[in-house]
Amino acid sequence: MDHVCNGCDGQCEASVVWTCGVRRNFKWLIEEIEVVEEMIQKRALTEYLRYQPRVSVKLMAEDLGVNID
């Protein structure tokens, strides 16, 4: 979608179509980035929750002087 502006100051029809297309592409890209960020956060939370109970139990056992290894 190449648009060469010949003094139209971005007001010509081709410029509007080009700008609209770019905005649409950026919107799609932003949405994809948000989806990936969400997936990363969910994975990090899942990993944290997977190990957190074990760490908590071990720390509680150590506080009580019990060896659970």
PDB file of N, CA and C in Angstrom:
ATOM      1  N   MET A   1       0.835  -1.187   0.000  1.00  0.00           N
ATOM      2  CA  MET A   1       0.000   0.000   0.000  1.00  0.00           C
ATOM      3  C   MET A   1       0.874   1.243   0.000  1.00  0.00           C
ATOM      4  N   ASP A   2       1.624   1.451  -1.001  1.00  0.00           N
ATOM      5  CA  ASP A   2       2.474   2.632  -1.065  1.00  0.00           C
ATOM      6  C   ASP A   2       1.655   3.833  -1.498  1.00  0.00           C
ATOM      7  N   HIS A   3       1.835   4.914  -0.795  1.00  0.00           N
ATOM      8  CA  HIS A   3       1.138   6.143  -1.149  1.00  0.00           C
ATOM      9  C   HIS A   3       2.156   7.265  -1.203  1.00  0.00           C
ATOM     10  N   VAL A   4       2.263   7.870  -2.347  1.00  0.00           N
ATOM     11  CA  VAL A   4       3.146   9.022  -2.505  1.00  0.00           C
ATOM     12  C   VAL A   4       2.275  10.256  -2.506  1.00  0.00           C
ATOM     13  N   CYS A   5       2.482  11.097  -1.524  1.00  0.00           N
ATOM     14  CA  CYS A   5       1.656  12.290  -1.387  1.00  0.00           C
ATOM     15  C   CYS A   5       2.248  13.417  -2.226  1.00  0.00           C
ATOM     16  N   ASN A   6       1.459  13.951  -3.111  1.00  0.00           N
ATOM     17  CA  ASN A   6       1.899  15.052  -3.972  1.00  0.00           C
ATOM     18  C   ASN A   6       1.282  16.362  -3.500  1.00  0.00           C
ATOM     19  N   GLY A   7       1.549  16.726  -2.272  1.00  0.00           N
ATOM     20  CA  GLY A   7       1.062  17.994  -1.756  1.00  0.00           C
ATOM     21  C   GLY A   7      -0.378  17.974  -1.286  1.00  0.00           C
ATOM     22  N   CYS A   8      -0.924  16.807  -0.998  1.00  0.00           N
ATOM     23  CA  CYS A   8      -2.328  16.751  -0.580  1.00  0.00           C
ATOM     24  C   CYS A   8      -2.481  16.883   0.931  1.00  0.00           C
ATOM     25  N   ASP A   9      -1.375  16.949   1.667  1.00  0.00           N
ATOM     26  CA  ASP A   9      -1.401  17.067   3.131  1.00  0.00           C
ATOM     27  C   ASP A   9      -2.176  15.935   3.796  1.00  0.00           C
ATOM     28  N   GLY A  10      -2.179  14.763   3.193  1.00  0.00           N
ATOM     29  CA  GLY A  10      -2.842  13.608   3.784  1.00  0.00           C
ATOM     30  C   GLY A  10      -4.347  13.621   3.663  1.00  0.00           C
ATOM     31  N   GLN A  11      -4.906  14.489   2.844  1.00  0.00           N
ATOM     32  CA  GLN A  11      -6.356  14.611   2.742  1.00  0.00           C
ATOM     33  C   GLN A  11      -6.945  13.860   1.550  1.00  0.00           C
ATOM     34  N   CYS A  12      -6.101  13.354   0.649  1.00  0.00           N
ATOM     35  CA  CYS A  12      -6.642  12.690  -0.541  1.00  0.00           C
ATOM     36  C   CYS A  12      -7.188  11.310  -0.176  1.00  0.00           C
ATOM     37  N   GLU A  13      -7.971  10.737  -1.038  1.00  0.00           N
ATOM     38  CA  GLU A  13      -8.619   9.453  -0.783  1.00  0.00           C
ATOM     39  C   GLU A  13      -7.588   8.344  -0.572  1.00  0.00           C
ATOM     40  N   ALA A  14      -6.533   8.337  -1.390  1.00  0.00           N
ATOM     41  CA  ALA A  14      -5.507   7.301  -1.260  1.00  0.00           C
ATOM     42  C   ALA A  14      -4.828   7.374   0.102  1.00  0.00           C
ATOM     43  N   SER A  15      -4.599   8.570   0.594  1.00  0.00           N
ATOM     44  CA  SER A  15      -3.957   8.739   1.890  1.00  0.00           C
ATOM     45  C   SER A  15      -4.855   8.224   3.007  1.00  0.00           C
ATOM     46  N   VAL A  16      -6.134   8.517   2.929  1.00  0.00           N
ATOM     47  CA  VAL A  16      -7.085   8.071   3.946  1.00  0.00           C
ATOM     48  C   VAL A  16      -7.159   6.551   3.961  1.00  0.00           C
ATOM     49  N   VAL A  17      -7.214   5.931   2.788  1.00  0.00           N
ATOM     50  CA  VAL A  17      -7.277   4.469   2.699  1.00  0.00           C
ATOM     51  C   VAL A  17      -5.997   3.864   3.267  1.00  0.00           C
ATOM     52  N   TRP A  18      -4.847   4.433   2.920  1.00  0.00           N
ATOM     53  CA  TRP A  18      -3.565   3.923   3.401  1.00  0.00           C
ATOM     54  C   TRP A  18      -3.494   4.020   4.926  1.00  0.00           C
ATOM     55  N   THR A  19      -3.869   5.173   5.467  1.00  0.00           N
ATOM     56  CA  THR A  19      -3.833   5.379   6.917  1.00  0.00           C
ATOM     57  C   THR A  19      -4.772   4.414   7.625  1.00  0.00           C
ATOM     58  N   CYS A  20      -5.950   4.224   7.067  1.00  0.00           N
ATOM     59  CA  CYS A  20      -6.938   3.322   7.652  1.00  0.00           C
ATOM     60  C   CYS A  20      -6.385   1.895   7.691  1.00  0.00           C
ATOM     61  N   GLY A  21      -5.745   1.482   6.604  1.00  0.00           N
ATOM     62  CA  GLY A  21      -5.163   0.143   6.541  1.00  0.00           C
ATOM     63  C   GLY A  21      -4.058  -0.048   7.561  1.00  0.00           C
ATOM     64  N   VAL A  22      -3.233   0.961   7.735  1.00  0.00           N
ATOM     65  CA  VAL A  22      -2.141   0.887   8.708  1.00  0.00           C
ATOM     66  C   VAL A  22      -2.710   0.793  10.115  1.00  0.00           C
ATOM     67  N   ARG A  23      -3.718   1.604  10.399  1.00  0.00           N
ATOM     68  CA  ARG A  23      -4.343   1.558  11.731  1.00  0.00           C
ATOM     69  C   ARG A  23      -4.930   0.179  11.999  1.00  0.00           C
ATOM     70  N   ARG A  24      -5.576  -0.396  10.993  1.00  0.00           N
ATOM     71  CA  ARG A  24      -6.166  -1.719  11.146  1.00  0.00           C
ATOM     72  C   ARG A  24      -5.067  -2.740  11.445  1.00  0.00           C
ATOM     73  N   ASN A  25      -3.952  -2.636  10.724  1.00  0.00           N
ATOM     74  CA  ASN A  25      -2.852  -3.572  10.950  1.00  0.00           C
ATOM     75  C   ASN A  25      -2.258  -3.398  12.339  1.00  0.00           C
ATOM     76  N   PHE A  26      -2.102  -2.171  12.790  1.00  0.00           N
ATOM     77  CA  PHE A  26      -1.574  -1.942  14.131  1.00  0.00           C
ATOM     78  C   PHE A  26      -2.549  -2.438  15.187  1.00  0.00           C
ATOM     79  N   LYS A  27      -3.838  -2.270  14.956  1.00  0.00           N
ATOM     80  CA  LYS A  27      -4.836  -2.754  15.905  1.00  0.00           C
ATOM     81  C   LYS A  27      -4.725  -4.270  16.035  1.00  0.00           C
ATOM     82  N   TRP A  28      -4.591  -4.950  14.908  1.00  0.00           N
ATOM     83  CA  TRP A  28      -4.440  -6.400  14.918  1.00  0.00           C
ATOM     84  C   TRP A  28      -3.173  -6.792  15.680  1.00  0.00           C
ATOM     85  N   LEU A  29      -2.081  -6.076  15.416  1.00  0.00           N
ATOM     86  CA  LEU A  29      -0.811  -6.372  16.073  1.00  0.00           C
ATOM     87  C   LEU A  29      -0.909  -6.157  17.582  1.00  0.00           C
ATOM     88  N   ILE A  30      -1.531  -5.072  17.978  1.00  0.00           N
ATOM     89  CA  ILE A  30      -1.698  -4.785  19.406  1.00  0.00           C
ATOM     90  C   ILE A  30      -2.527  -5.876  20.078  1.00  0.00           C
ATOM     91  N   GLU A  31      -3.598  -6.319  19.415  1.00  0.00           N
ATOM     92  CA  GLU A  31      -4.433  -7.387  19.971  1.00  0.00           C
ATOM     93  C   GLU A  31      -3.633  -8.677  20.118  1.00  0.00           C
ATOM     94  N   GLU A  32      -2.814  -8.994  19.129  1.00  0.00           N
ATOM     95  CA  GLU A  32      -1.989 -10.204  19.196  1.00  0.00           C
ATOM     96  C   GLU A  32      -0.978 -10.114  20.337  1.00  0.00           C
ATOM     97  N   ILE A  33      -0.382  -8.958  20.513  1.00  0.00           N
ATOM     98  CA  ILE A  33       0.577  -8.765  21.603  1.00  0.00           C
ATOM     99  C   ILE A  33      -0.116  -8.951  22.948  1.00  0.00           C
ATOM    100  N   GLU A  34      -1.328  -8.418  23.077  1.00  0.00           N
ATOM    101  CA  GLU A  34      -2.079  -8.565  24.324  1.00  0.00           C
ATOM    102  C   GLU A  34      -2.382 -10.031  24.610  1.00  0.00           C
ATOM    103  N   VAL A  35      -2.729 -10.790  23.569  1.00  0.00           N
ATOM    104  CA  VAL A  35      -3.014 -12.217  23.743  1.00  0.00           C
ATOM    105  C   VAL A  35      -1.763 -12.946  24.232  1.00  0.00           C
ATOM    106  N   VAL A  36      -0.629 -12.643  23.623  1.00  0.00           N
ATOM    107  CA  VAL A  36       0.626 -13.289  24.018  1.00  0.00           C
ATOM    108  C   VAL A  36       0.999 -12.904  25.449  1.00  0.00           C
ATOM    109  N   GLU A  37       0.841 -11.631  25.801  1.00  0.00           N
ATOM    110  CA  GLU A  37       1.144 -11.195  27.169  1.00  0.00           C
ATOM    111  C   GLU A  37       0.260 -11.919  28.180  1.00  0.00           C
ATOM    112  N   GLU A  38      -1.014 -12.100  27.830  1.00  0.00           N
ATOM    113  CA  GLU A  38      -1.943 -12.809  28.703  1.00  0.00           C
ATOM    114  C   GLU A  38      -1.498 -14.254  28.901  1.00  0.00           C
ATOM    115  N   MET A  39      -1.080 -14.896  27.801  1.00  0.00           N
ATOM    116  CA  MET A  39      -0.611 -16.278  27.879  1.00  0.00           C
ATOM    117  C   MET A  39       0.622 -16.387  28.776  1.00  0.00           C
ATOM    118  N   ILE A  40       1.528 -15.435  28.652  1.00  0.00           N
ATOM    119  CA  ILE A  40       2.744 -15.439  29.468  1.00  0.00           C
ATOM    120  C   ILE A  40       2.388 -15.273  30.943  1.00  0.00           C
ATOM    121  N   GLN A  41       1.472 -14.353  31.238  1.00  0.00           N
ATOM    122  CA  GLN A  41       1.065 -14.136  32.628  1.00  0.00           C
ATOM    123  C   GLN A  41       0.402 -15.382  33.205  1.00  0.00           C
ATOM    124  N   LYS A  42      -0.459 -16.028  32.413  1.00  0.00           N
ATOM    125  CA  LYS A  42      -1.127 -17.245  32.887  1.00  0.00           C
ATOM    126  C   LYS A  42      -0.114 -18.348  33.156  1.00  0.00           C
ATOM    127  N   ARG A  43       0.861 -18.490  32.252  1.00  0.00           N
ATOM    128  CA  ARG A  43       1.880 -19.529  32.440  1.00  0.00           C
ATOM    129  C   ARG A  43       2.713 -19.242  33.688  1.00  0.00           C
ATOM    130  N   ALA A  44       3.087 -17.995  33.885  1.00  0.00           N
ATOM    131  CA  ALA A  44       3.879 -17.636  35.064  1.00  0.00           C
ATOM    132  C   ALA A  44       3.082 -17.894  36.340  1.00  0.00           C
ATOM    133  N   LEU A  45       1.813 -17.547  36.325  1.00  0.00           N
ATOM    134  CA  LEU A  45       0.970 -17.775  37.497  1.00  0.00           C
ATOM    135  C   LEU A  45       0.811 -19.268  37.763  1.00  0.00           C
ATOM    136  N   THR A  46       0.624 -20.044  36.704  1.00  0.00           N
ATOM    137  CA  THR A  46       0.485 -21.491  36.848  1.00  0.00           C
ATOM    138  C   THR A  46       1.746 -22.087  37.464  1.00  0.00           C
ATOM    139  N   GLU A  47       2.904 -21.671  36.973  1.00  0.00           N
ATOM    140  CA  GLU A  47       4.170 -22.171  37.522  1.00  0.00           C
ATOM    141  C   GLU A  47       4.318 -21.760  38.986  1.00  0.00           C
ATOM    142  N   TYR A  48       3.965 -20.527  39.287  1.00  0.00           N
ATOM    143  CA  TYR A  48       4.061 -20.045  40.667  1.00  0.00           C
ATOM    144  C   TYR A  48       3.159 -20.871  41.582  1.00  0.00           C
ATOM    145  N   LEU A  49       1.917 -21.076  41.158  1.00  0.00           N
ATOM    146  CA  LEU A  49       0.975 -21.820  41.990  1.00  0.00           C
ATOM    147  C   LEU A  49       1.363 -23.289  42.106  1.00  0.00           C
ATOM    148  N   ARG A  50       2.036 -23.796  41.088  1.00  0.00           N
ATOM    149  CA  ARG A  50       2.451 -25.197  41.115  1.00  0.00           C
ATOM    150  C   ARG A  50       3.510 -25.434  42.197  1.00  0.00           C
ATOM    151  N   TYR A  51       4.403 -24.482  42.370  1.00  0.00           N
ATOM    152  CA  TYR A  51       5.489 -24.654  43.333  1.00  0.00           C
ATOM    153  C   TYR A  51       5.221 -23.992  44.680  1.00  0.00           C
ATOM    154  N   GLN A  52       4.368 -23.000  44.713  1.00  0.00           N
ATOM    155  CA  GLN A  52       4.126 -22.249  45.941  1.00  0.00           C
ATOM    156  C   GLN A  52       3.654 -23.126  47.099  1.00  0.00           C
ATOM    157  N   PRO A  53       2.683 -24.026  46.893  1.00  0.00           N
ATOM    158  CA  PRO A  53       2.243 -24.842  48.037  1.00  0.00           C
ATOM    159  C   PRO A  53       3.382 -25.668  48.636  1.00  0.00           C
ATOM    160  N   ARG A  54       4.251 -26.208  47.791  1.00  0.00           N
ATOM    161  CA  ARG A  54       5.368 -27.010  48.291  1.00  0.00           C
ATOM    162  C   ARG A  54       6.317 -26.157  49.124  1.00  0.00           C
ATOM    163  N   VAL A  55       6.594 -24.972  48.627  1.00  0.00           N
ATOM    164  CA  VAL A  55       7.490 -24.076  49.354  1.00  0.00           C
ATOM    165  C   VAL A  55       6.862 -23.693  50.687  1.00  0.00           C
ATOM    166  N   SER A  56       5.580 -23.377  50.674  1.00  0.00           N
ATOM    167  CA  SER A  56       4.896 -22.973  51.907  1.00  0.00           C
ATOM    168  C   SER A  56       4.904 -24.095  52.934  1.00  0.00           C
ATOM    169  N   VAL A  57       4.624 -25.309  52.498  1.00  0.00           N
ATOM    170  CA  VAL A  57       4.597 -26.447  53.419  1.00  0.00           C
ATOM    171  C   VAL A  57       5.992 -26.690  53.981  1.00  0.00           C
ATOM    172  N   LYS A  58       6.992 -26.605  53.112  1.00  0.00           N
ATOM    173  CA  LYS A  58       8.369 -26.818  53.578  1.00  0.00           C
ATOM    174  C   LYS A  58       8.766 -25.757  54.605  1.00  0.00           C
ATOM    175  N   LEU A  59       8.430 -24.505  54.333  1.00  0.00           N
ATOM    176  CA  LEU A  59       8.761 -23.435  55.276  1.00  0.00           C
ATOM    177  C   LEU A  59       8.029 -23.617  56.606  1.00  0.00           C
ATOM    178  N   MET A  60       6.758 -24.025  56.536  1.00  0.00           N
ATOM    179  CA  MET A  60       6.010 -24.258  57.774  1.00  0.00           C
ATOM    180  C   MET A  60       6.636 -25.407  58.554  1.00  0.00           C
ATOM    181  N   ALA A  61       7.037 -26.454  57.844  1.00  0.00           N
ATOM    182  CA  ALA A  61       7.658 -27.596  58.516  1.00  0.00           C
ATOM    183  C   ALA A  61       8.968 -27.182  59.170  1.00  0.00           C
ATOM    184  N   GLU A  62       9.762 -26.376  58.460  1.00  0.00           N
ATOM    185  CA  GLU A  62      11.021 -25.903  59.037  1.00  0.00           C
ATOM    186  C   GLU A  62      10.765 -25.055  60.277  1.00  0.00           C
ATOM    187  N   ASP A  63       9.714 -24.236  60.228  1.00  0.00           N
ATOM    188  CA  ASP A  63       9.369 -23.419  61.402  1.00  0.00           C
ATOM    189  C   ASP A  63       9.034 -24.298  62.602  1.00  0.00           C
ATOM    190  N   LEU A  64       8.437 -25.466  62.320  1.00  0.00           N
ATOM    191  CA  LEU A  64       8.061 -26.386  63.393  1.00  0.00           C
ATOM    192  C   LEU A  64       9.203 -27.329  63.761  1.00  0.00           C
ATOM    193  N   GLY A  65      10.314 -27.236  63.024  1.00  0.00           N
ATOM    194  CA  GLY A  65      11.465 -28.092  63.310  1.00  0.00           C
ATOM    195  C   GLY A  65      11.336 -29.487  62.741  1.00  0.00           C
ATOM    196  N   VAL A  66      10.513 -29.652  61.717  1.00  0.00           N
ATOM    197  CA  VAL A  66      10.306 -30.967  61.108  1.00  0.00           C
ATOM    198  C   VAL A  66      11.021 -30.995  59.764  1.00  0.00           C
ATOM    199  N   ASN A  67      11.737 -32.092  59.495  1.00  0.00           N
ATOM    200  CA  ASN A  67      12.423 -32.248  58.216  1.00  0.00           C
ATOM    201  C   ASN A  67      11.541 -33.081  57.286  1.00  0.00           C
ATOM    202  N   ILE A  68      11.112 -32.502  56.173  1.00  0.00           N
ATOM    203  CA  ILE A  68      10.216 -33.230  55.266  1.00  0.00           C
ATOM    204  C   ILE A  68      10.890 -33.622  53.954  1.00  0.00           C
ATOM    205  N   ASP A  69      12.216 -33.465  53.886  1.00  0.00           N
ATOM    206  CA  ASP A  69      12.910 -33.809  52.636  1.00  0.00           C
ATOM    207  C   ASP A  69      12.925 -35.271  52.363  1.00  0.00           C
TER     208      ASP A  69
END
